[in-house]
C-alpha atoms as a PDB file:
ATOM      1  CA  MET A   1     -43.688  60.738-131.418  1.00  0.00           C
ATOM      2  CA  THR A   2     -45.772  58.246-133.388  1.00  0.00           C
ATOM      3  CA  ALA A   3     -44.568  55.698-135.876  1.00  0.00           C
ATOM      4  CA  GLU A   4     -46.052  52.765-137.783  1.00  0.00           C
ATOM      5  CA  VAL A   5     -44.993  49.139-137.469  1.00  0.00           C
ATOM      6  CA  SER A   6     -44.491  47.049-140.597  1.00  0.00           C
ATOM      7  CA  PRO A   7     -42.835  43.717-141.421  1.00  0.00           C
ATOM      8  CA  ILE A   8     -39.298  43.781-142.806  1.00  0.00           C
ATOM      9  CA  THR A   9     -39.595  42.361-146.311  1.00  0.00           C
ATOM     10  CA  ASP A  10     -36.808  41.428-148.709  1.00  0.00           C
ATOM     11  CA  ALA A  11     -37.085  44.926-150.172  1.00  0.00           C
ATOM     12  CA  ASP A  12     -36.580  46.473-146.703  1.00  0.00           C
ATOM     13  CA  ILE A  13     -33.397  44.615-145.744  1.00  0.00           C
ATOM     14  CA  ALA A  14     -31.069  47.320-147.057  1.00  0.00           C
ATOM     15  CA  VAL A  15     -32.688  50.147-145.075  1.00  0.00           C
ATOM     16  CA  ALA A  16     -33.022  48.012-141.933  1.00  0.00           C
ATOM     17  CA  ALA A  17     -29.352  47.046-142.209  1.00  0.00           C
ATOM     18  CA  GLU A  18     -28.280  50.672-142.662  1.00  0.00           C
ATOM     19  CA  PHE A  19     -30.303  51.687-139.597  1.00  0.00           C
ATOM     20  CA  LEU A  20     -28.579  49.022-137.473  1.00  0.00           C
ATOM     21  CA  ARG A  21     -25.155  49.909-138.874  1.00  0.00           C
ATOM     22  CA  THR A  22     -25.663  53.564-137.986  1.00  0.00           C
ATOM     23  CA  ASN A  23     -27.422  53.209-134.637  1.00  0.00           C
ATOM     24  CA  HIS A  24     -26.517  49.812-133.198  1.00  0.00           C
ATOM     25  CA  ASN A  25     -23.207  48.273-134.351  1.00  0.00           C
ATOM     26  CA  ASP A  26     -21.139  49.406-137.312  1.00  0.00           C
ATOM     27  CA  ARG A  27     -18.912  46.287-137.327  1.00  0.00           C
ATOM     28  CA  THR A  28     -21.607  43.706-138.104  1.00  0.00           C
ATOM     29  CA  PRO A  29     -22.479  42.893-141.743  1.00  0.00           C
ATOM     30  CA  TRP A  30     -26.168  43.551-141.211  1.00  0.00           C
ATOM     31  CA  THR A  31     -27.315  43.121-144.806  1.00  0.00           C
ATOM     32  CA  ALA A  32     -26.173  39.490-144.777  1.00  0.00           C
ATOM     33  CA  SER A  33     -27.230  38.969-141.144  1.00  0.00           C
ATOM     34  CA  CYS A  34     -30.859  40.035-141.636  1.00  0.00           C
ATOM     35  CA  SER A  35     -31.695  36.689-143.236  1.00  0.00           C
ATOM     36  CA  ALA A  36     -30.523  33.107-142.861  1.00  0.00           C
ATOM     37  CA  PRO A  37     -29.298  30.630-145.503  1.00  0.00           C
ATOM     38  CA  TRP A  38     -31.940  28.068-144.494  1.00  0.00           C
ATOM     39  CA  GLU A  39     -34.908  30.445-144.751  1.00  0.00           C
ATOM     40  CA  ASP A  40     -37.149  29.866-147.751  1.00  0.00           C
ATOM     41  CA  LYS A  41     -40.609  30.355-146.205  1.00  0.00           C
ATOM     42  CA  ALA A  42     -39.950  33.072-143.640  1.00  0.00           C
ATOM     43  CA  PRO A  43     -42.977  35.371-143.200  1.00  0.00           C
ATOM     44  CA  ASN A  44     -40.652  38.377-142.723  1.00  0.00           C
ATOM     45  CA  HIS A  45     -37.226  39.321-141.373  1.00  0.00           C
ATOM     46  CA  GLY A  46     -38.640  40.958-138.275  1.00  0.00           C
ATOM     47  CA  PHE A  47     -40.427  44.281-137.838  1.00  0.00           C
ATOM     48  CA  MET A  48     -39.527  47.932-138.249  1.00  0.00           C
ATOM     49  CA  LEU A  49     -40.836  51.295-137.055  1.00  0.00           C
ATOM     50  CA  ARG A  50     -41.195  54.068-139.618  1.00  0.00           C
ATOM     51  CA  ASP A  51     -41.987  57.706-139.118  1.00  0.00           C
ATOM     52  CA  GLY A  52     -42.982  58.567-142.638  1.00  0.00           C
ATOM     53  CA  GLU A  53     -40.152  57.237-144.811  1.00  0.00           C
ATOM     54  CA  ARG A  54     -37.657  57.337-141.965  1.00  0.00           C
ATOM     55  CA  VAL A  55     -36.742  54.102-140.137  1.00  0.00           C
ATOM     56  CA  VAL A  56     -36.681  54.737-136.385  1.00  0.00           C
ATOM     57  CA  GLY A  57     -36.621  51.205-134.962  1.00  0.00           C
ATOM     58  CA  VAL A  58     -35.883  47.599-135.906  1.00  0.00           C
ATOM     59  CA  LEU A  59     -36.444  44.189-134.305  1.00  0.00           C
ATOM     60  CA  LEU A  60     -34.897  41.379-136.355  1.00  0.00           C
ATOM     61  CA  ALA A  61     -36.110  37.776-136.508  1.00  0.00           C
ATOM     62  CA  LEU A  62     -34.913  34.477-137.953  1.00  0.00           C
ATOM     63  CA  TYR A  63     -37.399  31.696-138.655  1.00  0.00           C
ATOM     64  CA  SER A  64     -37.083  27.939-138.952  1.00  0.00           C
ATOM     65  CA  GLU A  65     -39.110  24.743-139.021  1.00  0.00           C
ATOM     66  CA  ARG A  66     -37.698  21.918-136.914  1.00  0.00           C
ATOM     67  CA  LEU A  67     -38.654  18.314-136.311  1.00  0.00           C
ATOM     68  CA  VAL A  68     -39.018  17.963-132.526  1.00  0.00           C
ATOM     69  CA  ALA A  69     -40.183  14.684-130.992  1.00  0.00           C
ATOM     70  CA  GLY A  70     -41.702  13.669-134.307  1.00  0.00           C
ATOM     71  CA  ARG A  71     -43.608  16.939-134.794  1.00  0.00           C
ATOM     72  CA  LEU A  72     -42.825  19.810-137.133  1.00  0.00           C
ATOM     73  CA  GLU A  73     -42.442  22.911-134.955  1.00  0.00           C
ATOM     74  CA  ARG A  74     -42.064  26.538-136.045  1.00  0.00           C
ATOM     75  CA  PHE A  75     -39.505  28.782-134.346  1.00  0.00           C
ATOM     76  CA  CYS A  76     -38.956  32.523-134.314  1.00  0.00           C
ATOM     77  CA  ASN A  77     -35.584  33.619-132.968  1.00  0.00           C
ATOM     78  CA  MET A  78     -35.630  37.267-131.913  1.00  0.00           C
ATOM     79  CA  GLY A  79     -32.523  39.181-132.937  1.00  0.00           C
ATOM     80  CA  SER A  80     -31.229  42.719-132.504  1.00  0.00           C
ATOM     81  CA  TRP A  81     -33.741  45.228-131.108  1.00  0.00           C
ATOM     82  CA  CYS A  82     -32.851  48.886-131.568  1.00  0.00           C
ATOM     83  CA  VAL A  83     -35.097  51.957-131.372  1.00  0.00           C
ATOM     84  CA  LEU A  84     -34.043  55.612-131.506  1.00  0.00           C
ATOM     85  CA  PRO A  85     -34.217  57.300-128.065  1.00  0.00           C
ATOM     86  CA  GLU A  86     -37.033  59.673-128.991  1.00  0.00           C
ATOM     87  CA  TYR A  87     -39.203  56.720-130.084  1.00  0.00           C
ATOM     88  CA  ARG A  88     -38.458  54.355-127.175  1.00  0.00           C
ATOM     89  CA  GLY A  89     -42.030  54.698-125.965  1.00  0.00           C
ATOM     90  CA  GLU A  90     -43.094  52.710-129.023  1.00  0.00           C
ATOM     91  CA  SER A  91     -40.543  49.921-128.642  1.00  0.00           C
ATOM     92  CA  MET A  92     -43.176  47.506-127.378  1.00  0.00           C
ATOM     93  CA  SER A  93     -45.140  47.824-130.591  1.00  0.00           C
ATOM     94  CA  LEU A  94     -42.323  45.998-132.388  1.00  0.00           C
ATOM     95  CA  LEU A  95     -42.267  43.192-129.837  1.00  0.00           C
ATOM     96  CA  ASN A  96     -46.063  42.940-129.752  1.00  0.00           C
ATOM     97  CA  ALA A  97     -46.159  42.602-133.544  1.00  0.00           C
ATOM     98  CA  MET A  98     -43.635  39.785-133.429  1.00  0.00           C
ATOM     99  CA  LEU A  99     -45.328  37.890-130.587  1.00  0.00           C
ATOM    100  CA  ALA A 100     -48.742  38.284-132.230  1.00  0.00           C
ATOM    101  CA  GLN A 101     -47.652  35.804-134.902  1.00  0.00           C
ATOM    102  CA  GLU A 102     -49.435  32.559-134.111  1.00  0.00           C
ATOM    103  CA  GLY A 103     -47.976  29.081-134.115  1.00  0.00           C
ATOM    104  CA  PHE A 104     -44.366  29.934-133.203  1.00  0.00           C
ATOM    105  CA  HIS A 105     -42.043  29.080-130.354  1.00  0.00           C
ATOM    106  CA  PHE A 106     -39.995  32.206-129.544  1.00  0.00           C
ATOM    107  CA  THR A 107     -36.372  32.374-128.441  1.00  0.00           C
ATOM    108  CA  SER A 108     -34.168  35.273-127.380  1.00  0.00           C
ATOM    109  CA  LEU A 109     -30.590  34.012-127.093  1.00  0.00           C
ATOM    110  CA  SER A 110     -28.650  37.218-126.426  1.00  0.00           C
ATOM    111  CA  PRO A 111     -31.038  39.574-124.576  1.00  0.00           C
ATOM    112  CA  LYS A 112     -29.580  42.547-122.747  1.00  0.00           C
ATOM    113  CA  GLU A 113     -30.740  43.540-119.277  1.00  0.00           C
ATOM    114  CA  GLY A 114     -33.603  45.834-120.322  1.00  0.00           C
ATOM    115  CA  PRO A 115     -35.163  43.395-122.815  1.00  0.00           C
ATOM    116  CA  ARG A 116     -34.721  40.560-120.284  1.00  0.00           C
ATOM    117  CA  GLU A 117     -36.953  42.377-117.802  1.00  0.00           C
ATOM    118  CA  ILE A 118     -39.598  42.953-120.487  1.00  0.00           C
ATOM    119  CA  LEU A 119     -39.501  39.341-121.688  1.00  0.00           C
ATOM    120  CA  ALA A 120     -39.707  37.998-118.137  1.00  0.00           C
ATOM    121  CA  TRP A 121     -42.798  40.155-117.580  1.00  0.00           C
ATOM    122  CA  LEU A 122     -44.246  38.548-120.726  1.00  0.00           C
ATOM    123  CA  LYS A 123     -43.682  35.086-119.175  1.00  0.00           C
ATOM    124  CA  PHE A 124     -40.565  34.165-121.119  1.00  0.00           C
ATOM    125  CA  ARG A 125     -38.555  31.570-119.206  1.00  0.00           C
ATOM    126  CA  TYR A 126     -34.803  31.436-118.643  1.00  0.00           C
ATOM    127  CA  LEU A 127     -32.754  28.537-119.961  1.00  0.00           C
ATOM    128  CA  ASP A 128     -30.140  26.993-117.689  1.00  0.00           C
ATOM    129  CA  THR A 129     -26.857  28.364-119.037  1.00  0.00           C
ATOM    130  CA  SER A 130     -24.528  26.590-116.600  1.00  0.00           C
ATOM    131  CA  ALA A 131     -21.341  26.065-118.563  1.00  0.00           C
ATOM    132  CA  ALA A 132     -17.802  24.726-118.569  1.00  0.00           C
ATOM    133  CA  LEU A 133     -14.847  26.881-119.570  1.00  0.00           C
ATOM    134  CA  ILE A 134     -12.099  24.651-120.965  1.00  0.00           C
ATOM    135  CA  PRO A 135      -8.590  26.097-121.419  1.00  0.00           C
ATOM    136  CA  ASN A 136      -7.216  25.435-124.899  1.00  0.00           C
ATOM    137  CA  LEU A 137      -3.685  24.180-124.300  1.00  0.00           C
ATOM    138  CA  PRO A 138      -0.954  22.922-126.671  1.00  0.00           C
ATOM    139  CA  TRP A 139      -1.259  19.323-125.537  1.00  0.00           C
ATOM    140  CA  PRO A 140       0.807  16.721-127.419  1.00  0.00           C
ATOM    141  CA  THR A 141      -1.605  14.744-129.596  1.00  0.00           C
ATOM    142  CA  PHE A 142       0.477  11.880-130.987  1.00  0.00           C
ATOM    143  CA  ARG A 143      -1.380   8.561-130.855  1.00  0.00           C
ATOM    144  CA  CYS A 144      -4.610  10.316-129.845  1.00  0.00           C
ATOM    145  CA  GLY A 145      -6.502   8.541-132.624  1.00  0.00           C
ATOM    146  CA  THR A 146      -8.759  11.482-133.471  1.00  0.00           C
ATOM    147  CA  ARG A 147      -8.536  13.360-136.758  1.00  0.00           C
ATOM    148  CA  ILE A 148     -10.018  16.866-136.998  1.00  0.00           C
ATOM    149  CA  SER A 149     -10.927  18.642-140.212  1.00  0.00           C
ATOM    150  CA  ALA A 150     -12.570  21.922-141.163  1.00  0.00           C
ATOM    151  CA  ASP A 151     -12.502  21.033-144.868  1.00  0.00           C
ATOM    152  CA  PRO A 152     -16.083  21.276-146.230  1.00  0.00           C
ATOM    153  CA  ASP A 153     -15.489  18.313-148.556  1.00  0.00           C
ATOM    154  CA  VAL A 154     -14.355  16.143-145.652  1.00  0.00           C
ATOM    155  CA  ILE A 155     -17.319  17.232-143.551  1.00  0.00           C
ATOM    156  CA  GLU A 156     -19.733  16.473-146.413  1.00  0.00           C
ATOM    157  CA  ARG A 157     -18.246  12.961-146.826  1.00  0.00           C
ATOM    158  CA  SER A 158     -18.366  12.262-143.083  1.00  0.00           C
ATOM    159  CA  LEU A 159     -21.988  13.178-142.365  1.00  0.00           C
ATOM    160  CA  VAL A 160     -25.200  11.499-143.487  1.00  0.00           C
ATOM    161  CA  GLY A 161     -28.955  11.960-143.218  1.00  0.00           C
ATOM    162  CA  SER A 162     -30.290  14.646-140.907  1.00  0.00           C
ATOM    163  CA  GLY A 163     -26.770  15.468-139.696  1.00  0.00           C
ATOM    164  CA  LEU A 164     -25.679  16.294-143.220  1.00  0.00           C
ATOM    165  CA  ALA A 165     -28.830  18.354-143.816  1.00  0.00           C
ATOM    166  CA  LEU A 166     -28.170  20.327-140.623  1.00  0.00           C
ATOM    167  CA  TYR A 167     -24.601  21.040-141.721  1.00  0.00           C
ATOM    168  CA  ARG A 168     -25.720  22.178-145.160  1.00  0.00           C
ATOM    169  CA  ASP A 169     -28.311  24.506-143.612  1.00  0.00           C
ATOM    170  CA  HIS A 170     -25.567  26.188-141.575  1.00  0.00           C
ATOM    171  CA  ALA A 171     -22.587  25.889-143.929  1.00  0.00           C
ATOM    172  CA  GLN A 172     -23.039  29.480-145.170  1.00  0.00           C
ATOM    173  CA  ALA A 173     -24.162  30.988-141.853  1.00  0.00           C
ATOM    174  CA  LEU A 174     -21.815  33.890-141.140  1.00  0.00           C
ATOM    175  CA  ALA A 175     -21.021  33.153-137.482  1.00  0.00           C
ATOM    176  CA  ALA A 176     -21.002  29.349-137.544  1.00  0.00           C
ATOM    177  CA  ARG A 177     -17.773  27.391-137.890  1.00  0.00           C
ATOM    178  CA  HIS A 178     -17.644  23.641-138.441  1.00  0.00           C
ATOM    179  CA  LEU A 179     -15.359  20.743-137.619  1.00  0.00           C
ATOM    180  CA  VAL A 180     -15.684  17.020-138.113  1.00  0.00           C
ATOM    181  CA  LEU A 181     -14.082  14.632-135.611  1.00  0.00           C
ATOM    182  CA  THR A 182     -13.168  11.183-136.906  1.00  0.00           C
ATOM    183  CA  ARG A 183     -11.941   8.279-134.802  1.00  0.00           C
ATOM    184  CA  GLY A 184     -11.916   4.828-136.341  1.00  0.00           C
ATOM    185  CA  GLN A 185     -15.373   4.313-137.814  1.00  0.00           C
ATOM    186  CA  GLU A 186     -16.904   7.072-135.697  1.00  0.00           C
ATOM    187  CA  SER A 187     -17.449  10.662-136.754  1.00  0.00           C
ATOM    188  CA  GLY A 188     -19.087  13.698-135.221  1.00  0.00           C
ATOM    189  CA  HIS A 189     -19.944  17.249-136.203  1.00  0.00           C
ATOM    190  CA  VAL A 190     -19.006  20.166-133.943  1.00  0.00           C
ATOM    191  CA  MET A 191     -20.412  23.620-134.653  1.00  0.00           C
ATOM    192  CA  TYR A 192     -19.073  26.640-132.804  1.00  0.00           C
ATOM    193  CA  ARG A 193     -18.796  30.395-133.023  1.00  0.00           C
ATOM    194  CA  GLU A 194     -15.941  32.694-132.032  1.00  0.00           C
ATOM    195  CA  PHE A 195     -15.894  35.627-129.650  1.00  0.00           C
ATOM    196  CA  ARG A 196     -12.827  37.873-129.837  1.00  0.00           C
ATOM    197  CA  TYR A 197     -11.655  40.850-127.826  1.00  0.00           C
ATOM    198  CA  MET A 198     -10.172  43.728-129.805  1.00  0.00           C
ATOM    199  CA  GLY A 199      -9.788  41.365-132.765  1.00  0.00           C
ATOM    200  CA  ALA A 200      -7.166  39.269-130.960  1.00  0.00           C
ATOM    201  CA  LEU A 201      -7.640  36.919-128.004  1.00  0.00           C
ATOM    202  CA  GLY A 202     -10.862  34.988-128.120  1.00  0.00           C
ATOM    203  CA  TYR A 203     -12.737  31.848-127.224  1.00  0.00           C
ATOM    204  CA  ALA A 204     -14.961  29.319-128.942  1.00  0.00           C
ATOM    205  CA  MET A 205     -18.579  28.793-127.902  1.00  0.00           C
ATOM    206  CA  ILE A 206     -19.939  25.352-128.751  1.00  0.00           C
ATOM    207  CA  LEU A 207     -23.333  25.537-130.501  1.00  0.00           C
ATOM    208  CA  HIS A 208     -23.871  21.904-131.475  1.00  0.00           C
ATOM    209  CA  VAL A 209     -22.317  18.476-130.934  1.00  0.00           C
ATOM    210  CA  SER A 210     -23.668  15.489-132.856  1.00  0.00           C
ATOM    211  CA  ASN A 211     -21.635  12.772-131.066  1.00  0.00           C
ATOM    212  CA  LEU A 212     -21.247  13.587-127.369  1.00  0.00           C
ATOM    213  CA  ASP A 213     -19.147  10.536-126.476  1.00  0.00           C
ATOM    214  CA  LEU A 214     -16.672  11.239-129.273  1.00  0.00           C
ATOM    215  CA  PHE A 215     -16.610  14.940-128.346  1.00  0.00           C
ATOM    216  CA  HIS A 216     -15.593  14.210-124.756  1.00  0.00           C
ATOM    217  CA  ARG A 217     -13.003  11.616-125.799  1.00  0.00           C
ATOM    218  CA  SER A 218     -11.530  14.075-128.290  1.00  0.00           C
ATOM    219  CA  LEU A 219     -11.338  17.207-126.127  1.00  0.00           C
ATOM    220  CA  ILE A 220      -7.540  17.334-126.008  1.00  0.00           C
ATOM    221  CA  PRO A 221      -7.005  17.326-129.798  1.00  0.00           C
ATOM    222  CA  LEU A 222     -10.102  19.492-130.328  1.00  0.00           C
ATOM    223  CA  THR A 223      -9.052  22.243-127.933  1.00  0.00           C
ATOM    224  CA  ARG A 224      -5.473  22.088-129.243  1.00  0.00           C
ATOM    225  CA  HIS A 225      -6.829  22.531-132.794  1.00  0.00           C
ATOM    226  CA  LEU A 226      -8.816  25.602-131.732  1.00  0.00           C
ATOM    227  CA  LEU A 227      -5.723  27.107-130.095  1.00  0.00           C
ATOM    228  CA  VAL A 228      -3.215  26.358-132.848  1.00  0.00           C
ATOM    229  CA  ARG A 229      -5.416  26.788-135.938  1.00  0.00           C
ATOM    230  CA  ARG A 230      -7.774  29.546-134.745  1.00  0.00           C
ATOM    231  CA  GLY A 231      -5.841  31.295-131.972  1.00  0.00           C
ATOM    232  CA  LEU A 232      -8.634  30.704-129.439  1.00  0.00           C
ATOM    233  CA  VAL A 233      -7.451  30.388-125.846  1.00  0.00           C
ATOM    234  CA  ALA A 234     -10.540  28.704-124.350  1.00  0.00           C
ATOM    235  CA  THR A 235     -13.684  26.781-125.217  1.00  0.00           C
ATOM    236  CA  LEU A 236     -17.038  27.575-123.597  1.00  0.00           C
ATOM    237  CA  ALA A 237     -19.670  24.835-123.634  1.00  0.00           C
ATOM    238  CA  GLU A 238     -23.008  24.919-121.850  1.00  0.00           C
ATOM    239  CA  LEU A 239     -23.885  21.738-119.997  1.00  0.00           C
ATOM    240  CA  ARG A 240     -27.242  21.586-121.750  1.00  0.00           C
ATOM    241  CA  THR A 241     -25.205  21.092-124.961  1.00  0.00           C
ATOM    242  CA  ILE A 242     -22.442  18.739-123.750  1.00  0.00           C
ATOM    243  CA  GLU A 243     -24.272  17.169-120.732  1.00  0.00           C
ATOM    244  CA  HIS A 244     -21.417  17.095-118.193  1.00  0.00           C
ATOM    245  CA  ARG A 245     -18.432  19.212-117.281  1.00  0.00           C
ATOM    246  CA  PRO A 246     -15.087  17.872-118.508  1.00  0.00           C
ATOM    247  CA  LEU A 247     -12.074  17.467-116.261  1.00  0.00           C
ATOM    248  CA  LEU A 248      -9.684  20.432-116.179  1.00  0.00           C
ATOM    249  CA  SER A 249     -12.511  22.897-116.835  1.00  0.00           C
ATOM    250  CA  PHE A 250     -14.046  25.696-114.777  1.00  0.00           C
ATOM    251  CA  SER A 251     -17.721  26.133-113.886  1.00  0.00           C
ATOM    252  CA  LEU A 252     -19.487  29.362-114.806  1.00  0.00           C
ATOM    253  CA  ASN A 253     -22.784  30.673-116.123  1.00  0.00           C
ATOM    254  CA  ASN A 254     -22.990  31.795-119.734  1.00  0.00           C
ATOM    255  CA  ARG A 255     -24.956  34.804-120.929  1.00  0.00           C
ATOM    256  CA  PRO A 256     -28.716  34.603-120.164  1.00  0.00           C
ATOM    257  CA  LYS A 257     -31.017  33.083-122.774  1.00  0.00           C
ATOM    258  CA  MET A 258     -34.819  32.991-122.804  1.00  0.00           C
ATOM    259  CA  TYR A 259     -37.695  31.303-124.579  1.00  0.00           C
ATOM    260  CA  SER A 260     -41.480  31.210-124.734  1.00  0.00           C
ATOM    261  CA  SER A 261     -43.363  28.107-125.800  1.00  0.00           C
ATOM    262  CA  PRO A 262     -46.772  26.622-125.019  1.00  0.00           C
ATOM    263  CA  SER A 263     -45.528  23.037-125.329  1.00  0.00           C
ATOM    264  CA  LEU A 264     -41.739  22.605-125.563  1.00  0.00           C
ATOM    265  CA  GLU A 265     -39.466  21.870-122.621  1.00  0.00           C
ATOM    266  CA  PRO A 266     -36.078  23.570-122.128  1.00  0.00           C
ATOM    267  CA  LYS A 267     -34.206  20.461-123.312  1.00  0.00           C
ATOM    268  CA  GLN A 268     -35.986  20.801-126.674  1.00  0.00           C
ATOM    269  CA  ILE A 269     -34.582  24.299-127.248  1.00  0.00           C
ATOM    270  CA  ASP A 270     -31.132  24.545-128.816  1.00  0.00           C
ATOM    271  CA  TYR A 271     -28.968  27.217-130.455  1.00  0.00           C
ATOM    272  CA  LEU A 272     -29.224  26.080-134.049  1.00  0.00           C
ATOM    273  CA  TYR A 273     -31.080  28.089-136.710  1.00  0.00           C
ATOM    274  CA  SER A 274     -30.549  31.269-134.686  1.00  0.00           C
ATOM    275  CA  GLU A 275     -28.631  34.539-134.567  1.00  0.00           C
ATOM    276  CA  LEU A 276     -25.863  32.731-132.673  1.00  0.00           C
ATOM    277  CA  ALA A 277     -25.060  30.971-135.943  1.00  0.00           C
ATOM    278  CA  CYS A 278     -25.818  33.891-138.256  1.00  0.00           C
ATOM    279  CA  VAL A 279     -24.711  37.164-136.710  1.00  0.00           C
ATOM    280  CA  PRO A 280     -20.939  37.683-136.188  1.00  0.00           C
ATOM    281  CA  TRP A 281     -20.833  40.382-133.516  1.00  0.00           C
END
């Protein structure tokens, strides 16, 4: 079997989404997940394999420009990678096309076992995904001093500068959920996503914390909010995001995540502007 690789343009999103719905996951809203609300200069939405007019493989990508240590850096986050069985021999052509793009740092934040082996062979490095699992319990919260709101107007009023810009970039991302913690004159933004089993029991995964000290001081009301308001029984937070494991939490390793960069260190890689915020599996 032979097929041609081409970039996924705006005009191709519908056919790429239909391919993923049919062959990969029929519960994900792929049309909306193929692009991100912050993208305005993305070179493509990934790459696709075509045999004639027929789509036989897709590798999605989300792009962003980030200010890191005073420098503007370009990121490509690799998303879902699906190729029909009879064309698997040409899977690498999709990945090679993506990695051939110059000037990007590449991340793969939900790779399965097969892709992990390929990426490791291509010198991708693993991030440390040591994490804390915090039970969400119905603690009493009187006199705790922390107010929690998911109201977009409250969040907008509470954030300023780059923190507000980051929130606005992700406010319409399909998988990202947002809270603002307020205590006295302090405030902090918490971004998380939900994982649910059979549409019922689930847990929150923390993607971003803007005020680590306030986050740790507010864990009891925060985890209670997630239990009572969202029905989430636990909170998962990687130590690279929250720095240290809270009391009354359990140590574990989260799902593997990988990256490739000629200059950035692991601590400069985060989970913002990625499929973790955009794709609700």
